[in-house]
Amino acid sequence: MLEKIRHLWNRYKYKGAELTPKGQCFKHYCEQIYNGTLESTISAYEDFLWHIRDVVAEDFGLLLDKKETAEFILKSYEEIL
């Protein structure tokens, strides 16, 4: 399963990529969700979280909640950065 997830992200991202300032903000947003410290939501980030959740559900048959989706994104960042 992890290999399939890694393949999914490698299809869209490249090793050694660098985050833009917007990417850094989104990563920080995901960290807040994962840590339970999110004070307010940003609708564009929420839309992207649900888009990623839908891709994972469609490709792998896994339905993730918001915290699990944020964790998945953070793990993906570890793989590509």
PDB file of N, CA and C in Angstrom:
ATOM      1  N   MET A   1       0.812  -1.181   0.000  1.00  0.00           N
ATOM      2  CA  MET A   1       0.000   0.000   0.000  1.00  0.00           C
ATOM      3  C   MET A   1       0.865   1.258   0.000  1.00  0.00           C
ATOM      4  N   LEU A   2       1.890   1.297   0.845  1.00  0.00           N
ATOM      5  CA  LEU A   2       2.766   2.465   0.881  1.00  0.00           C
ATOM      6  C   LEU A   2       3.442   2.690  -0.465  1.00  0.00           C
ATOM      7  N   GLU A   3       3.806   1.625  -1.124  1.00  0.00           N
ATOM      8  CA  GLU A   3       4.418   1.758  -2.448  1.00  0.00           C
ATOM      9  C   GLU A   3       3.439   2.376  -3.440  1.00  0.00           C
ATOM     10  N   LYS A   4       2.178   1.985  -3.365  1.00  0.00           N
ATOM     11  CA  LYS A   4       1.169   2.567  -4.253  1.00  0.00           C
ATOM     12  C   LYS A   4       0.991   4.051  -3.968  1.00  0.00           C
ATOM     13  N   ILE A   5       0.978   4.421  -2.691  1.00  0.00           N
ATOM     14  CA  ILE A   5       0.859   5.826  -2.320  1.00  0.00           C
ATOM     15  C   ILE A   5       2.069   6.600  -2.808  1.00  0.00           C
ATOM     16  N   ARG A   6       3.243   6.046  -2.619  1.00  0.00           N
ATOM     17  CA  ARG A   6       4.467   6.696  -3.097  1.00  0.00           C
ATOM     18  C   ARG A   6       4.408   6.876  -4.620  1.00  0.00           C
ATOM     19  N   HIS A   7       3.918   5.865  -5.324  1.00  0.00           N
ATOM     20  CA  HIS A   7       3.795   5.956  -6.781  1.00  0.00           C
ATOM     21  C   HIS A   7       2.823   7.065  -7.168  1.00  0.00           C
ATOM     22  N   LEU A   8       1.716   7.180  -6.434  1.00  0.00           N
ATOM     23  CA  LEU A   8       0.751   8.235  -6.701  1.00  0.00           C
ATOM     24  C   LEU A   8       1.408   9.606  -6.620  1.00  0.00           C
ATOM     25  N   TRP A   9       2.160   9.834  -5.557  1.00  0.00           N
ATOM     26  CA  TRP A   9       2.778  11.147  -5.386  1.00  0.00           C
ATOM     27  C   TRP A   9       3.924  11.364  -6.356  1.00  0.00           C
ATOM     28  N   ASN A  10       4.658  10.319  -6.674  1.00  0.00           N
ATOM     29  CA  ASN A  10       5.743  10.470  -7.644  1.00  0.00           C
ATOM     30  C   ASN A  10       5.208  10.804  -9.028  1.00  0.00           C
ATOM     31  N   ARG A  11       3.961  10.436  -9.273  1.00  0.00           N
ATOM     32  CA  ARG A  11       3.335  10.743 -10.550  1.00  0.00           C
ATOM     33  C   ARG A  11       3.114  12.247 -10.694  1.00  0.00           C
ATOM     34  N   TYR A  12       2.922  12.942  -9.584  1.00  0.00           N
ATOM     35  CA  TYR A  12       2.614  14.369  -9.620  1.00  0.00           C
ATOM     36  C   TYR A  12       3.741  15.265  -9.115  1.00  0.00           C
ATOM     37  N   LYS A  13       4.649  14.733  -8.370  1.00  0.00           N
ATOM     38  CA  LYS A  13       5.698  15.539  -7.730  1.00  0.00           C
ATOM     39  C   LYS A  13       7.076  14.970  -8.062  1.00  0.00           C
ATOM     40  N   TYR A  14       8.086  15.754  -7.811  1.00  0.00           N
ATOM     41  CA  TYR A  14       9.453  15.319  -8.080  1.00  0.00           C
ATOM     42  C   TYR A  14      10.281  15.397  -6.813  1.00  0.00           C
ATOM     43  N   LYS A  15      11.219  14.462  -6.663  1.00  0.00           N
ATOM     44  CA  LYS A  15      12.137  14.472  -5.525  1.00  0.00           C
ATOM     45  C   LYS A  15      12.942  15.767  -5.532  1.00  0.00           C
ATOM     46  N   GLY A  16      13.236  16.260  -4.362  1.00  0.00           N
ATOM     47  CA  GLY A  16      14.061  17.449  -4.235  1.00  0.00           C
ATOM     48  C   GLY A  16      13.329  18.739  -4.554  1.00  0.00           C
ATOM     49  N   ALA A  17      12.013  18.692  -4.627  1.00  0.00           N
ATOM     50  CA  ALA A  17      11.234  19.895  -4.906  1.00  0.00           C
ATOM     51  C   ALA A  17      11.337  20.850  -3.723  1.00  0.00           C
ATOM     52  N   GLU A  18      11.144  22.114  -3.996  1.00  0.00           N
ATOM     53  CA  GLU A  18      11.141  23.114  -2.936  1.00  0.00           C
ATOM     54  C   GLU A  18       9.768  23.739  -2.865  1.00  0.00           C
ATOM     55  N   LEU A  19       9.324  24.020  -1.665  1.00  0.00           N
ATOM     56  CA  LEU A  19       8.012  24.621  -1.481  1.00  0.00           C
ATOM     57  C   LEU A  19       8.060  26.121  -1.727  1.00  0.00           C
ATOM     58  N   THR A  20       7.028  26.616  -2.358  1.00  0.00           N
ATOM     59  CA  THR A  20       6.844  28.055  -2.487  1.00  0.00           C
ATOM     60  C   THR A  20       6.334  28.581  -1.150  1.00  0.00           C
ATOM     61  N   PRO A  21       6.286  29.885  -0.975  1.00  0.00           N
ATOM     62  CA  PRO A  21       5.701  30.406   0.263  1.00  0.00           C
ATOM     63  C   PRO A  21       4.263  29.910   0.480  1.00  0.00           C
ATOM     64  N   LYS A  22       3.468  29.801  -0.599  1.00  0.00           N
ATOM     65  CA  LYS A  22       2.112  29.259  -0.456  1.00  0.00           C
ATOM     66  C   LYS A  22       2.157  27.803  -0.020  1.00  0.00           C
ATOM     67  N   GLY A  23       3.108  27.055  -0.545  1.00  0.00           N
ATOM     68  CA  GLY A  23       3.269  25.656  -0.153  1.00  0.00           C
ATOM     69  C   GLY A  23       3.655  25.530   1.312  1.00  0.00           C
ATOM     70  N   GLN A  24       4.513  26.413   1.771  1.00  0.00           N
ATOM     71  CA  GLN A  24       4.903  26.423   3.186  1.00  0.00           C
ATOM     72  C   GLN A  24       3.690  26.706   4.070  1.00  0.00           C
ATOM     73  N   CYS A  25       2.854  27.637   3.637  1.00  0.00           N
ATOM     74  CA  CYS A  25       1.646  27.967   4.410  1.00  0.00           C
ATOM     75  C   CYS A  25       0.700  26.766   4.459  1.00  0.00           C
ATOM     76  N   PHE A  26       0.541  26.067   3.322  1.00  0.00           N
ATOM     77  CA  PHE A  26      -0.331  24.903   3.305  1.00  0.00           C
ATOM     78  C   PHE A  26       0.228  23.798   4.188  1.00  0.00           C
ATOM     79  N   LYS A  27       1.535  23.610   4.163  1.00  0.00           N
ATOM     80  CA  LYS A  27       2.162  22.604   5.024  1.00  0.00           C
ATOM     81  C   LYS A  27       1.907  22.948   6.494  1.00  0.00           C
ATOM     82  N   HIS A  28       2.064  24.210   6.831  1.00  0.00           N
ATOM     83  CA  HIS A  28       1.814  24.648   8.208  1.00  0.00           C
ATOM     84  C   HIS A  28       0.342  24.420   8.584  1.00  0.00           C
ATOM     85  N   TYR A  29      -0.557  24.665   7.660  1.00  0.00           N
ATOM     86  CA  TYR A  29      -1.987  24.433   7.874  1.00  0.00           C
ATOM     87  C   TYR A  29      -2.239  22.951   8.170  1.00  0.00           C
ATOM     88  N   CYS A  30      -1.624  22.070   7.381  1.00  0.00           N
ATOM     89  CA  CYS A  30      -1.765  20.627   7.600  1.00  0.00           C
ATOM     90  C   CYS A  30      -1.185  20.215   8.945  1.00  0.00           C
ATOM     91  N   GLU A  31      -0.063  20.813   9.334  1.00  0.00           N
ATOM     92  CA  GLU A  31       0.532  20.522  10.637  1.00  0.00           C
ATOM     93  C   GLU A  31      -0.429  20.919  11.762  1.00  0.00           C
ATOM     94  N   GLN A  32      -1.097  22.048  11.610  1.00  0.00           N
ATOM     95  CA  GLN A  32      -2.056  22.482  12.625  1.00  0.00           C
ATOM     96  C   GLN A  32      -3.230  21.510  12.714  1.00  0.00           C
ATOM     97  N   ILE A  33      -3.707  21.031  11.575  1.00  0.00           N
ATOM     98  CA  ILE A  33      -4.799  20.051  11.588  1.00  0.00           C
ATOM     99  C   ILE A  33      -4.333  18.790  12.296  1.00  0.00           C
ATOM    100  N   TYR A  34      -3.155  18.309  11.923  1.00  0.00           N
ATOM    101  CA  TYR A  34      -2.627  17.075  12.494  1.00  0.00           C
ATOM    102  C   TYR A  34      -2.425  17.197  14.003  1.00  0.00           C
ATOM    103  N   ASN A  35      -1.949  18.357  14.449  1.00  0.00           N
ATOM    104  CA  ASN A  35      -1.679  18.572  15.874  1.00  0.00           C
ATOM    105  C   ASN A  35      -2.911  19.009  16.658  1.00  0.00           C
ATOM    106  N   GLY A  36      -4.007  19.266  15.964  1.00  0.00           N
ATOM    107  CA  GLY A  36      -5.222  19.704  16.646  1.00  0.00           C
ATOM    108  C   GLY A  36      -5.174  21.136  17.124  1.00  0.00           C
ATOM    109  N   THR A  37      -4.366  21.972  16.470  1.00  0.00           N
ATOM    110  CA  THR A  37      -4.220  23.359  16.902  1.00  0.00           C
ATOM    111  C   THR A  37      -4.799  24.358  15.903  1.00  0.00           C
ATOM    112  N   LEU A  38      -5.547  23.881  14.929  1.00  0.00           N
ATOM    113  CA  LEU A  38      -6.118  24.768  13.915  1.00  0.00           C
ATOM    114  C   LEU A  38      -7.193  25.643  14.541  1.00  0.00           C
ATOM    115  N   GLU A  39      -7.022  26.955  14.428  1.00  0.00           N
ATOM    116  CA  GLU A  39      -7.967  27.891  15.029  1.00  0.00           C
ATOM    117  C   GLU A  39      -9.023  28.367  14.035  1.00  0.00           C
ATOM    118  N   SER A  40      -8.660  28.497  12.777  1.00  0.00           N
ATOM    119  CA  SER A  40      -9.629  28.920  11.769  1.00  0.00           C
ATOM    120  C   SER A  40      -9.293  28.230  10.452  1.00  0.00           C
ATOM    121  N   THR A  41     -10.311  28.070   9.613  1.00  0.00           N
ATOM    122  CA  THR A  41     -10.111  27.351   8.361  1.00  0.00           C
ATOM    123  C   THR A  41      -9.942  28.317   7.195  1.00  0.00           C
ATOM    124  N   ILE A  42      -9.306  27.821   6.151  1.00  0.00           N
ATOM    125  CA  ILE A  42      -9.128  28.548   4.897  1.00  0.00           C
ATOM    126  C   ILE A  42      -9.811  27.703   3.834  1.00  0.00           C
ATOM    127  N   SER A  43     -10.830  28.245   3.215  1.00  0.00           N
ATOM    128  CA  SER A  43     -11.663  27.439   2.319  1.00  0.00           C
ATOM    129  C   SER A  43     -10.880  26.839   1.152  1.00  0.00           C
ATOM    130  N   ALA A  44      -9.924  27.565   0.580  1.00  0.00           N
ATOM    131  CA  ALA A  44      -9.137  27.010  -0.526  1.00  0.00           C
ATOM    132  C   ALA A  44      -8.317  25.811  -0.060  1.00  0.00           C
ATOM    133  N   TYR A  45      -7.759  25.867   1.138  1.00  0.00           N
ATOM    134  CA  TYR A  45      -6.999  24.742   1.678  1.00  0.00           C
ATOM    135  C   TYR A  45      -7.919  23.569   1.985  1.00  0.00           C
ATOM    136  N   GLU A  46      -9.101  23.876   2.513  1.00  0.00           N
ATOM    137  CA  GLU A  46     -10.072  22.817   2.799  1.00  0.00           C
ATOM    138  C   GLU A  46     -10.473  22.105   1.506  1.00  0.00           C
ATOM    139  N   ASP A  47     -10.698  22.867   0.442  1.00  0.00           N
ATOM    140  CA  ASP A  47     -11.045  22.273  -0.852  1.00  0.00           C
ATOM    141  C   ASP A  47      -9.935  21.347  -1.343  1.00  0.00           C
ATOM    142  N   PHE A  48      -8.690  21.775  -1.177  1.00  0.00           N
ATOM    143  CA  PHE A  48      -7.569  20.955  -1.635  1.00  0.00           C
ATOM    144  C   PHE A  48      -7.440  19.685  -0.784  1.00  0.00           C
ATOM    145  N   LEU A  49      -7.655  19.809   0.522  1.00  0.00           N
ATOM    146  CA  LEU A  49      -7.633  18.627   1.392  1.00  0.00           C
ATOM    147  C   LEU A  49      -8.655  17.600   0.921  1.00  0.00           C
ATOM    148  N   TRP A  50      -9.869  18.063   0.622  1.00  0.00           N
ATOM    149  CA  TRP A  50     -10.914  17.133   0.194  1.00  0.00           C
ATOM    150  C   TRP A  50     -10.627  16.578  -1.191  1.00  0.00           C
ATOM    151  N   HIS A  51      -9.964  17.359  -2.036  1.00  0.00           N
ATOM    152  CA  HIS A  51      -9.566  16.851  -3.351  1.00  0.00           C
ATOM    153  C   HIS A  51      -8.570  15.693  -3.182  1.00  0.00           C
ATOM    154  N   ILE A  52      -7.583  15.870  -2.325  1.00  0.00           N
ATOM    155  CA  ILE A  52      -6.597  14.808  -2.068  1.00  0.00           C
ATOM    156  C   ILE A  52      -7.305  13.587  -1.479  1.00  0.00           C
ATOM    157  N   ARG A  53      -8.219  13.807  -0.549  1.00  0.00           N
ATOM    158  CA  ARG A  53      -8.975  12.702   0.033  1.00  0.00           C
ATOM    159  C   ARG A  53      -9.728  11.932  -1.050  1.00  0.00           C
ATOM    160  N   ASP A  54     -10.331  12.652  -1.988  1.00  0.00           N
ATOM    161  CA  ASP A  54     -11.077  12.009  -3.073  1.00  0.00           C
ATOM    162  C   ASP A  54     -10.161  11.217  -3.994  1.00  0.00           C
ATOM    163  N   VAL A  55      -8.970  11.737  -4.280  1.00  0.00           N
ATOM    164  CA  VAL A  55      -8.001  11.026  -5.125  1.00  0.00           C
ATOM    165  C   VAL A  55      -7.576   9.721  -4.452  1.00  0.00           C
ATOM    166  N   VAL A  56      -7.283   9.789  -3.170  1.00  0.00           N
ATOM    167  CA  VAL A  56      -6.883   8.581  -2.424  1.00  0.00           C
ATOM    168  C   VAL A  56      -8.034   7.579  -2.403  1.00  0.00           C
ATOM    169  N   ALA A  57      -9.245   8.050  -2.194  1.00  0.00           N
ATOM    170  CA  ALA A  57     -10.406   7.159  -2.165  1.00  0.00           C
ATOM    171  C   ALA A  57     -10.608   6.489  -3.521  1.00  0.00           C
ATOM    172  N   GLU A  58     -10.467   7.264  -4.583  1.00  0.00           N
ATOM    173  CA  GLU A  58     -10.670   6.721  -5.928  1.00  0.00           C
ATOM    174  C   GLU A  58      -9.561   5.750  -6.327  1.00  0.00           C
ATOM    175  N   ASP A  59      -8.307   6.126  -6.065  1.00  0.00           N
ATOM    176  CA  ASP A  59      -7.178   5.292  -6.486  1.00  0.00           C
ATOM    177  C   ASP A  59      -6.941   4.086  -5.589  1.00  0.00           C
ATOM    178  N   PHE A  60      -7.226   4.202  -4.291  1.00  0.00           N
ATOM    179  CA  PHE A  60      -6.867   3.141  -3.347  1.00  0.00           C
ATOM    180  C   PHE A  60      -8.031   2.589  -2.538  1.00  0.00           C
ATOM    181  N   GLY A  61      -9.199   3.180  -2.691  1.00  0.00           N
ATOM    182  CA  GLY A  61     -10.351   2.693  -1.952  1.00  0.00           C
ATOM    183  C   GLY A  61     -10.295   2.990  -0.463  1.00  0.00           C
ATOM    184  N   LEU A  62      -9.513   3.987  -0.083  1.00  0.00           N
ATOM    185  CA  LEU A  62      -9.400   4.377   1.330  1.00  0.00           C
ATOM    186  C   LEU A  62     -10.115   5.701   1.546  1.00  0.00           C
ATOM    187  N   LEU A  63     -10.992   5.753   2.527  1.00  0.00           N
ATOM    188  CA  LEU A  63     -11.656   6.999   2.857  1.00  0.00           C
ATOM    189  C   LEU A  63     -11.000   7.560   4.113  1.00  0.00           C
ATOM    190  N   LEU A  64     -10.288   8.659   3.946  1.00  0.00           N
ATOM    191  CA  LEU A  64      -9.562   9.284   5.049  1.00  0.00           C
ATOM    192  C   LEU A  64     -10.389  10.423   5.634  1.00  0.00           C
ATOM    193  N   ASP A  65     -10.245  10.647   6.937  1.00  0.00           N
ATOM    194  CA  ASP A  65     -10.871  11.830   7.522  1.00  0.00           C
ATOM    195  C   ASP A  65      -9.907  13.011   7.361  1.00  0.00           C
ATOM    196  N   LYS A  66     -10.295  14.159   7.878  1.00  0.00           N
ATOM    197  CA  LYS A  66      -9.502  15.378   7.682  1.00  0.00           C
ATOM    198  C   LYS A  66      -8.093  15.246   8.274  1.00  0.00           C
ATOM    199  N   LYS A  67      -8.007  14.728   9.494  1.00  0.00           N
ATOM    200  CA  LYS A  67      -6.696  14.588  10.147  1.00  0.00           C
ATOM    201  C   LYS A  67      -5.827  13.580   9.398  1.00  0.00           C
ATOM    202  N   GLU A  68      -6.408  12.471   8.965  1.00  0.00           N
ATOM    203  CA  GLU A  68      -5.652  11.466   8.216  1.00  0.00           C
ATOM    204  C   GLU A  68      -5.188  12.009   6.868  1.00  0.00           C
ATOM    205  N   THR A  69      -6.024  12.834   6.237  1.00  0.00           N
ATOM    206  CA  THR A  69      -5.634  13.444   4.970  1.00  0.00           C
ATOM    207  C   THR A  69      -4.465  14.393   5.180  1.00  0.00           C
ATOM    208  N   ALA A  70      -4.526  15.190   6.238  1.00  0.00           N
ATOM    209  CA  ALA A  70      -3.422  16.099   6.556  1.00  0.00           C
ATOM    210  C   ALA A  70      -2.140  15.309   6.837  1.00  0.00           C
ATOM    211  N   GLU A  71      -2.262  14.207   7.564  1.00  0.00           N
ATOM    212  CA  GLU A  71      -1.095  13.366   7.850  1.00  0.00           C
ATOM    213  C   GLU A  71      -0.525  12.782   6.559  1.00  0.00           C
ATOM    214  N   PHE A  72      -1.403  12.337   5.665  1.00  0.00           N
ATOM    215  CA  PHE A  72      -0.969  11.803   4.377  1.00  0.00           C
ATOM    216  C   PHE A  72      -0.186  12.855   3.591  1.00  0.00           C
ATOM    217  N   ILE A  73      -0.685  14.081   3.583  1.00  0.00           N
ATOM    218  CA  ILE A  73       0.002  15.169   2.875  1.00  0.00           C
ATOM    219  C   ILE A  73       1.359  15.434   3.512  1.00  0.00           C
ATOM    220  N   LEU A  74       1.412  15.480   4.832  1.00  0.00           N
ATOM    221  CA  LEU A  74       2.691  15.721   5.516  1.00  0.00           C
ATOM    222  C   LEU A  74       3.701  14.620   5.235  1.00  0.00           C
ATOM    223  N   LYS A  75       3.250  13.358   5.224  1.00  0.00           N
ATOM    224  CA  LYS A  75       4.136  12.243   4.897  1.00  0.00           C
ATOM    225  C   LYS A  75       4.616  12.359   3.453  1.00  0.00           C
ATOM    226  N   SER A  76       3.743  12.808   2.589  1.00  0.00           N
ATOM    227  CA  SER A  76       4.122  13.004   1.190  1.00  0.00           C
ATOM    228  C   SER A  76       5.196  14.077   1.062  1.00  0.00           C
ATOM    229  N   TYR A  77       5.039  15.158   1.824  1.00  0.00           N
ATOM    230  CA  TYR A  77       6.061  16.188   1.830  1.00  0.00           C
ATOM    231  C   TYR A  77       7.405  15.616   2.242  1.00  0.00           C
ATOM    232  N   GLU A  78       7.411  14.755   3.256  1.00  0.00           N
ATOM    233  CA  GLU A  78       8.670  14.121   3.687  1.00  0.00           C
ATOM    234  C   GLU A  78       9.308  13.341   2.549  1.00  0.00           C
ATOM    235  N   GLU A  79       8.493  12.686   1.736  1.00  0.00           N
ATOM    236  CA  GLU A  79       9.010  11.873   0.631  1.00  0.00           C
ATOM    237  C   GLU A  79       9.620  12.722  -0.478  1.00  0.00           C
ATOM    238  N   ILE A  80       9.016  13.885  -0.765  1.00  0.00           N
ATOM    239  CA  ILE A  80       9.441  14.631  -1.942  1.00  0.00           C
ATOM    240  C   ILE A  80      10.377  15.794  -1.635  1.00  0.00           C
ATOM    241  N   LEU A  81      10.494  16.172  -0.387  1.00  0.00           N
ATOM    242  CA  LEU A  81      11.373  17.303  -0.070  1.00  0.00           C
ATOM    243  C   LEU A  81      12.722  16.845   0.423  1.00  0.00           C
TER     244      LEU A  81
END
